[in-house]
Amino acid sequence: MNKIFMSGYYQGVVEVAPASLSAAKVEELAITMTIQHLRHAGVKVTTIHDFLVLDIHANERLVNKYINNNAAELEEVQASLLSSAFTKKGSID
């Protein structure tokens, strides 16, 4: 795993996340996307955990919450987060 590349990947998610997401939701999105990317690349779970917590200083509670999720579960979380960014609260359709 190239830590410089993956740090840039994580930061890229943070930078392009919708502005309507809170900082906590942006971090959750970045964590889930990074976990999914690294799992797909075959990186061990302990290595992913240590990278996110020790190198990126991501929220360890969120990392632990999602570290063992499969791709479908991670995608569901990501879709929910992105959907919430574009859903108007209190609108009447």
C-alpha atoms as a PDB file:
ATOM      1  CA  MET A   1       0.000   0.000   0.000  1.00  0.00           C
ATOM      2  CA  ASN A   2       1.379   3.371  -0.999  1.00  0.00           C
ATOM      3  CA  LYS A   3       0.646   5.621   1.983  1.00  0.00           C
ATOM      4  CA  ILE A   4       1.219   8.841   0.054  1.00  0.00           C
ATOM      5  CA  PHE A   5      -1.237   7.816  -2.662  1.00  0.00           C
ATOM      6  CA  MET A   6      -3.823   6.643  -0.136  1.00  0.00           C
ATOM      7  CA  SER A   7      -3.454   9.815   1.932  1.00  0.00           C
ATOM      8  CA  GLY A   8      -4.166  11.749  -1.257  1.00  0.00           C
ATOM      9  CA  TYR A   9      -7.144   9.506  -2.005  1.00  0.00           C
ATOM     10  CA  TYR A  10      -8.609  10.144   1.461  1.00  0.00           C
ATOM     11  CA  GLN A  11      -7.975  13.893   1.172  1.00  0.00           C
ATOM     12  CA  GLY A  12      -9.487  13.931  -2.313  1.00  0.00           C
ATOM     13  CA  VAL A  13     -12.727  12.451  -0.983  1.00  0.00           C
ATOM     14  CA  VAL A  14     -12.789  15.114   1.720  1.00  0.00           C
ATOM     15  CA  GLU A  15     -12.197  17.903  -0.790  1.00  0.00           C
ATOM     16  CA  VAL A  16     -14.842  16.846  -3.321  1.00  0.00           C
ATOM     17  CA  ALA A  17     -17.546  15.852  -0.839  1.00  0.00           C
ATOM     18  CA  PRO A  18     -20.730  17.898  -1.146  1.00  0.00           C
ATOM     19  CA  ALA A  19     -20.558  21.121   0.839  1.00  0.00           C
ATOM     20  CA  SER A  20     -23.917  20.358   2.430  1.00  0.00           C
ATOM     21  CA  LEU A  21     -22.433  17.444   4.399  1.00  0.00           C
ATOM     22  CA  SER A  22     -21.249  18.122   7.928  1.00  0.00           C
ATOM     23  CA  ALA A  23     -17.580  17.575   8.726  1.00  0.00           C
ATOM     24  CA  ALA A  24     -18.495  14.383  10.598  1.00  0.00           C
ATOM     25  CA  LYS A  25     -20.399  13.012   7.596  1.00  0.00           C
ATOM     26  CA  VAL A  26     -17.535  13.920   5.255  1.00  0.00           C
ATOM     27  CA  GLU A  27     -15.138  12.007   7.492  1.00  0.00           C
ATOM     28  CA  GLU A  28     -17.524   9.039   7.549  1.00  0.00           C
ATOM     29  CA  LEU A  29     -17.707   9.110   3.742  1.00  0.00           C
ATOM     30  CA  ALA A  30     -13.918   9.303   3.398  1.00  0.00           C
ATOM     31  CA  ILE A  31     -13.401   6.466   5.857  1.00  0.00           C
ATOM     32  CA  THR A  32     -15.887   4.143   4.155  1.00  0.00           C
ATOM     33  CA  MET A  33     -14.550   4.909   0.678  1.00  0.00           C
ATOM     34  CA  THR A  34     -10.948   4.361   1.757  1.00  0.00           C
ATOM     35  CA  ILE A  35     -11.787   1.093   3.505  1.00  0.00           C
ATOM     36  CA  GLN A  36     -13.624  -0.122   0.411  1.00  0.00           C
ATOM     37  CA  HIS A  37     -10.800   0.875  -1.919  1.00  0.00           C
ATOM     38  CA  LEU A  38      -8.124  -0.785   0.184  1.00  0.00           C
ATOM     39  CA  ARG A  39     -10.174  -3.941   0.804  1.00  0.00           C
ATOM     40  CA  HIS A  40     -10.720  -4.228  -2.949  1.00  0.00           C
ATOM     41  CA  ALA A  41      -6.943  -3.932  -3.417  1.00  0.00           C
ATOM     42  CA  GLY A  42      -6.416  -6.829  -1.015  1.00  0.00           C
ATOM     43  CA  VAL A  43      -4.907  -4.859   1.858  1.00  0.00           C
ATOM     44  CA  LYS A  44      -5.207  -6.565   5.254  1.00  0.00           C
ATOM     45  CA  VAL A  45      -7.798  -5.206   7.677  1.00  0.00           C
ATOM     46  CA  THR A  46      -5.183  -4.458  10.351  1.00  0.00           C
ATOM     47  CA  THR A  47      -3.114  -2.468   7.860  1.00  0.00           C
ATOM     48  CA  ILE A  48      -6.176  -0.451   6.804  1.00  0.00           C
ATOM     49  CA  HIS A  49      -7.090   0.212  10.429  1.00  0.00           C
ATOM     50  CA  ASP A  50      -3.583   1.343  11.340  1.00  0.00           C
ATOM     51  CA  PHE A  51      -3.316   3.541   8.250  1.00  0.00           C
ATOM     52  CA  LEU A  52      -6.601   5.323   8.951  1.00  0.00           C
ATOM     53  CA  VAL A  53      -6.117   5.694  12.698  1.00  0.00           C
ATOM     54  CA  LEU A  54      -2.356   6.214  13.010  1.00  0.00           C
ATOM     55  CA  ASP A  55      -1.449   7.922   9.721  1.00  0.00           C
ATOM     56  CA  ILE A  56      -4.633   9.791   8.764  1.00  0.00           C
ATOM     57  CA  HIS A  57      -5.829  10.303  12.361  1.00  0.00           C
ATOM     58  CA  ALA A  58      -9.357   9.381  11.361  1.00  0.00           C
ATOM     59  CA  ASN A  59     -12.031   8.842  13.994  1.00  0.00           C
ATOM     60  CA  GLU A  60     -11.187   5.422  15.434  1.00  0.00           C
ATOM     61  CA  ARG A  61     -14.788   4.750  16.458  1.00  0.00           C
ATOM     62  CA  LEU A  62     -15.923   5.157  12.838  1.00  0.00           C
ATOM     63  CA  VAL A  63     -13.031   3.093  11.517  1.00  0.00           C
ATOM     64  CA  ASN A  64     -13.911   0.276  13.911  1.00  0.00           C
ATOM     65  CA  LYS A  65     -17.591   0.571  12.993  1.00  0.00           C
ATOM     66  CA  TYR A  66     -16.944   0.014   9.273  1.00  0.00           C
ATOM     67  CA  ILE A  67     -13.673  -1.916   9.042  1.00  0.00           C
ATOM     68  CA  ASN A  68     -15.327  -5.344   8.736  1.00  0.00           C
ATOM     69  CA  ASN A  69     -18.185  -4.317   6.429  1.00  0.00           C
ATOM     70  CA  ASN A  70     -18.312  -5.881   2.989  1.00  0.00           C
ATOM     71  CA  ALA A  71     -18.415  -3.867  -0.236  1.00  0.00           C
ATOM     72  CA  ALA A  72     -22.220  -3.828  -0.446  1.00  0.00           C
ATOM     73  CA  GLU A  73     -22.556  -2.559   3.124  1.00  0.00           C
ATOM     74  CA  LEU A  74     -19.944   0.142   2.552  1.00  0.00           C
ATOM     75  CA  GLU A  75     -21.663   1.218  -0.671  1.00  0.00           C
ATOM     76  CA  GLU A  76     -24.985   1.427   1.149  1.00  0.00           C
ATOM     77  CA  VAL A  77     -23.486   3.761   3.762  1.00  0.00           C
ATOM     78  CA  GLN A  78     -21.863   5.887   1.054  1.00  0.00           C
ATOM     79  CA  ALA A  79     -25.102   6.118  -0.918  1.00  0.00           C
ATOM     80  CA  SER A  80     -27.009   7.131   2.192  1.00  0.00           C
ATOM     81  CA  LEU A  81     -24.481   9.837   3.035  1.00  0.00           C
ATOM     82  CA  LEU A  82     -24.479  11.231  -0.499  1.00  0.00           C
ATOM     83  CA  SER A  83     -28.258  11.060  -0.717  1.00  0.00           C
ATOM     84  CA  SER A  84     -28.589  13.036   2.503  1.00  0.00           C
ATOM     85  CA  ALA A  85     -26.402  15.749   1.005  1.00  0.00           C
ATOM     86  CA  PHE A  86     -28.894  16.328  -1.779  1.00  0.00           C
ATOM     87  CA  THR A  87     -32.133  15.852   0.106  1.00  0.00           C
ATOM     88  CA  LYS A  88     -33.842  19.043   1.174  1.00  0.00           C
ATOM     89  CA  LYS A  89     -34.983  18.865   4.760  1.00  0.00           C
ATOM     90  CA  GLY A  90     -38.547  19.896   5.361  1.00  0.00           C
ATOM     91  CA  SER A  91     -39.525  20.228   1.714  1.00  0.00           C
ATOM     92  CA  ILE A  92     -42.997  19.248   0.610  1.00  0.00           C
ATOM     93  CA  ASP A  93     -43.175  17.346  -2.659  1.00  0.00           C
END
